[in-house]
Amino acid sequence: MDFPSFLRPTYSTYLPQPSNRLHTFQIPKMSVWDEKYVMLAVGMPLYWITVMIPHFVKAYYGARGEKNVDKVIGEPRKYFEEVAAKGTTAAAGYVRRGTAAHQNGWEAFILYLSAVVAAFGAKINPATFNNLCALALILRLVFNFCYIQGTTITSRIRSISFLAHVITCFTLHYHAYTAIIA
């Protein structure tokens, strides 16, 4: 008995077809993280927040025991200088270290900003861009935490995280350079 052609089974229905694309297999892109410059839009505000965290910690510990809020609000710089000058309380240490971490954050922001602008302008690989920017943010948070704690072991971790942050920013610069000359 002969079946009509539309009912006749074919090998293509049941068996996988041989593929000539096995040698060109590529891992598919899994998310927006690999395709877009996500950290360009998100990274700058997050980095600004990481710069401001020590300032808020300083304000919290410096004004925590003060009963006269007008004194804190009226002349905050003078007030925090007085708290830091006391030198014997834990709040004075937090105020001094918070001020120093905050100032250091603005100094390191210039390096991060120049690296991000150079890397984006050179159109480096978005996944590399996002990963390095996220690493820089994480290292900045570690730096802030260790700086404000101020113990011996955290000061060593702070130095390592600062060095790693600088290396990360220079790596962004390097990728921008290689993308431009390629």
Protein backbone atom coordinates (compact mmCIF):
# COMPACT_ATOMS: atom_id res chain seq x y z
CA MET A 1 0.00 0.00 0.00
CA ASP A 2 1.38 3.34 -0.98
CA PHE A 3 0.77 6.40 1.20
CA PRO A 4 0.07 9.84 -0.26
CA SER A 5 3.12 12.08 -0.25
CA PHE A 6 1.89 14.32 2.55
CA LEU A 7 1.52 11.30 4.86
CA ARG A 8 4.74 9.61 3.85
CA PRO A 9 7.31 9.77 6.69
CA THR A 10 10.61 11.34 5.84
CA TYR A 11 13.92 11.17 7.58
CA SER A 12 13.89 14.88 8.23
CA THR A 13 10.84 14.43 10.45
CA TYR A 14 12.39 11.86 12.75
CA LEU A 15 16.16 12.27 12.55
CA PRO A 16 18.16 15.37 13.26
CA GLN A 17 19.65 16.89 10.16
CA PRO A 18 23.41 17.06 9.91
CA SER A 19 24.61 20.54 10.71
CA ASN A 20 27.57 22.31 9.24
CA ARG A 21 27.43 24.91 12.04
CA LEU A 22 29.03 22.78 14.77
CA HIS A 23 32.37 24.46 14.29
CA THR A 24 30.87 27.96 14.59
CA PHE A 25 28.99 27.44 17.85
CA GLN A 26 28.96 30.59 19.99
CA ILE A 27 27.73 31.12 23.49
CA PRO A 28 24.59 33.20 23.22
CA LYS A 29 24.42 36.53 24.97
CA MET A 30 22.51 35.98 28.16
CA SER A 31 21.39 39.43 29.21
CA VAL A 32 21.44 43.15 28.67
CA TRP A 33 24.62 43.21 30.79
CA ASP A 34 26.58 41.74 27.86
CA GLU A 35 25.03 43.93 25.15
CA LYS A 36 24.56 47.44 26.53
CA TYR A 37 26.65 49.88 28.50
CA VAL A 38 24.54 49.46 31.63
CA MET A 39 27.12 50.84 34.01
CA LEU A 40 27.33 54.10 32.06
CA ALA A 41 23.83 55.02 33.20
CA VAL A 42 23.89 53.25 36.56
CA GLY A 43 27.55 53.46 37.52
CA MET A 44 27.92 57.21 37.89
CA PRO A 45 25.04 57.70 40.35
CA LEU A 46 26.13 54.61 42.28
CA TYR A 47 29.71 55.83 42.45
CA TRP A 48 28.47 59.23 43.66
CA ILE A 49 26.51 57.44 46.39
CA THR A 50 29.63 55.49 47.42
CA VAL A 51 31.47 58.80 47.70
CA MET A 52 28.71 60.23 49.90
CA ILE A 53 28.36 57.25 52.27
CA PRO A 54 31.30 58.30 54.50
CA HIS A 55 29.82 61.79 54.74
CA PHE A 56 26.54 60.39 56.05
CA VAL A 57 28.36 58.09 58.47
CA LYS A 58 30.30 61.09 59.74
CA ALA A 59 27.09 63.06 60.18
CA TYR A 60 25.40 60.18 62.00
CA TYR A 61 28.19 59.53 64.48
CA GLY A 62 29.07 63.18 64.90
CA ALA A 63 25.57 64.40 65.69
CA ARG A 64 24.31 61.31 67.50
CA GLY A 65 24.74 62.59 71.05
CA GLU A 66 23.98 66.25 70.38
CA LYS A 67 20.85 67.62 72.01
CA ASN A 68 20.98 71.00 70.27
CA VAL A 69 20.12 70.24 66.64
CA ASP A 70 20.38 73.91 65.65
CA LYS A 71 24.07 73.80 66.52
CA VAL A 72 24.61 70.93 64.09
CA ILE A 73 22.48 72.38 61.31
CA GLY A 74 23.61 75.98 61.72
CA GLU A 75 27.36 75.48 61.23
CA PRO A 76 27.97 71.82 60.42
CA ARG A 77 31.63 72.17 59.41
CA LYS A 78 32.53 74.01 62.57
CA TYR A 79 30.58 71.51 64.66
CA PHE A 80 32.24 68.46 63.09
CA GLU A 81 35.67 70.08 63.46
CA GLU A 82 34.95 70.51 67.17
CA VAL A 83 33.83 66.89 67.48
CA ALA A 84 36.92 65.66 65.64
CA ALA A 85 39.17 67.85 67.80
CA LYS A 86 37.96 66.17 71.00
CA GLY A 87 39.94 63.13 69.94
CA THR A 88 39.01 60.84 72.81
CA THR A 89 35.55 59.64 71.88
CA ALA A 90 34.68 57.01 69.32
CA ALA A 91 32.53 59.59 67.53
CA ALA A 92 35.60 61.77 67.00
CA GLY A 93 37.39 58.90 65.28
CA TYR A 94 34.40 58.17 63.06
CA VAL A 95 34.12 61.86 62.14
CA ARG A 96 37.82 62.13 61.26
CA ARG A 97 37.86 58.89 59.25
CA GLY A 98 34.52 59.66 57.58
CA THR A 99 35.81 63.06 56.49
CA ALA A 100 39.02 61.54 55.13
CA ALA A 101 37.17 58.75 53.28
CA HIS A 102 34.75 61.27 51.82
CA GLN A 103 37.57 63.48 50.54
CA ASN A 104 39.42 60.47 49.18
CA GLY A 105 36.27 59.42 47.36
CA TRP A 106 36.15 62.70 45.45
CA GLU A 107 39.82 62.35 44.59
CA ALA A 108 39.32 58.82 43.25
CA PHE A 109 36.16 59.84 41.40
CA ILE A 110 38.23 61.76 38.84
CA LEU A 111 40.20 58.65 37.93
CA TYR A 112 37.00 56.58 37.66
CA LEU A 113 35.24 59.23 35.59
CA SER A 114 38.10 59.56 33.13
CA ALA A 115 38.30 55.77 32.77
CA VAL A 116 34.57 55.44 32.11
CA VAL A 117 34.52 58.28 29.57
CA ALA A 118 37.58 56.92 27.75
CA ALA A 119 36.26 53.36 27.66
CA PHE A 120 32.81 54.39 26.47
CA GLY A 121 34.26 56.74 23.89
CA ALA A 122 36.45 53.95 22.52
CA LYS A 123 33.43 51.59 22.42
CA ILE A 124 35.09 48.71 24.25
CA ASN A 125 33.24 45.44 24.73
CA PRO A 126 30.11 46.21 26.82
CA ALA A 127 30.54 43.13 29.03
CA THR A 128 34.12 44.12 29.86
CA PHE A 129 33.01 47.69 30.48
CA ASN A 130 30.19 46.67 32.82
CA ASN A 131 32.30 44.14 34.75
CA LEU A 132 35.18 46.55 35.34
CA CYS A 133 32.85 49.38 36.37
CA ALA A 134 31.01 47.10 38.79
CA LEU A 135 34.32 45.90 40.22
CA ALA A 136 35.43 49.50 40.76
CA LEU A 137 32.20 50.23 42.65
CA ILE A 138 32.57 47.15 44.84
CA LEU A 139 36.17 48.03 45.62
CA ARG A 140 35.12 51.56 46.53
CA LEU A 141 32.53 50.22 48.98
CA VAL A 142 35.14 47.92 50.55
CA PHE A 143 37.52 50.88 50.81
CA ASN A 144 34.89 53.04 52.53
CA PHE A 145 33.96 50.33 55.01
CA CYS A 146 37.57 49.59 55.89
CA TYR A 147 38.53 53.26 56.14
CA ILE A 148 35.70 54.09 58.53
CA GLN A 149 36.41 51.04 60.74
CA GLY A 150 40.00 52.12 61.19
CA THR A 151 41.52 48.95 62.69
CA THR A 152 44.90 47.51 61.76
CA ILE A 153 43.57 44.67 59.64
CA THR A 154 41.00 46.84 57.88
CA SER A 155 43.68 49.42 57.07
CA ARG A 156 45.58 46.74 55.17
CA ILE A 157 42.45 45.64 53.34
CA ARG A 158 41.72 49.31 52.63
CA SER A 159 45.12 49.77 51.00
CA ILE A 160 44.68 46.64 48.89
CA SER A 161 41.20 47.69 47.79
CA PHE A 162 42.44 51.17 46.87
CA LEU A 163 45.27 49.71 44.81
CA ALA A 164 42.87 47.29 43.13
CA HIS A 165 40.50 50.19 42.39
CA VAL A 166 43.30 52.15 40.71
CA ILE A 167 44.35 49.07 38.71
CA THR A 168 40.73 48.55 37.63
CA CYS A 169 40.50 52.14 36.40
CA PHE A 170 43.79 51.81 34.54
CA THR A 171 42.52 48.57 33.02
CA LEU A 172 39.55 50.50 31.63
CA HIS A 173 42.03 53.03 30.22
CA TYR A 174 44.07 50.20 28.71
CA HIS A 175 41.03 48.64 27.02
CA ALA A 176 40.12 52.06 25.64
CA TYR A 177 43.65 52.47 24.27
CA THR A 178 43.66 49.05 22.62
CA ALA A 179 40.20 49.66 21.12
CA ILE A 180 41.36 52.96 19.64
CA ILE A 181 44.56 51.67 18.08
CA ALA A 182 42.94 48.47 16.76
